[in-house]
């Protein structure tokens, strides 16, 4: 079972930046797409984006497109979420997740929560106005 550990969250002023990291255990990390989700208090979980297992394809939700960037370093078993131009509405707990399918052929833009089978514990991001 893969274990995922997020880090990098914190308190930042609007307009600031943070980079979240998600470190994965296991030797097969590089064969799975990875995703980022977030959940704000009282709101449903939101799919922030995903990156293919090779790193060659990414998807970012409209709410974060142009501000957030997902990347991965397979040598380090780590996926990142670079968040720039943060807004108060980005305040949430951010989770990374692992695809349940190895070497997925379908587009990451078509993925949803049901496609992920391992989740991290989450890291809090708070953006002050």
Foldseek 3Di string as FASTA:
>chain_A
DKAKAKDWADEEAAQAKIKMKIAIDDDQLLQWKKFKWWDDPPDDIGTQKIAGSPRPDIDGDPVQPPFWDWGDDSVRRMIMIIGGRDDQVVWTWMKMFIFPDTNDPDHRNPDDPVRTDYMYPTDTHGYHD
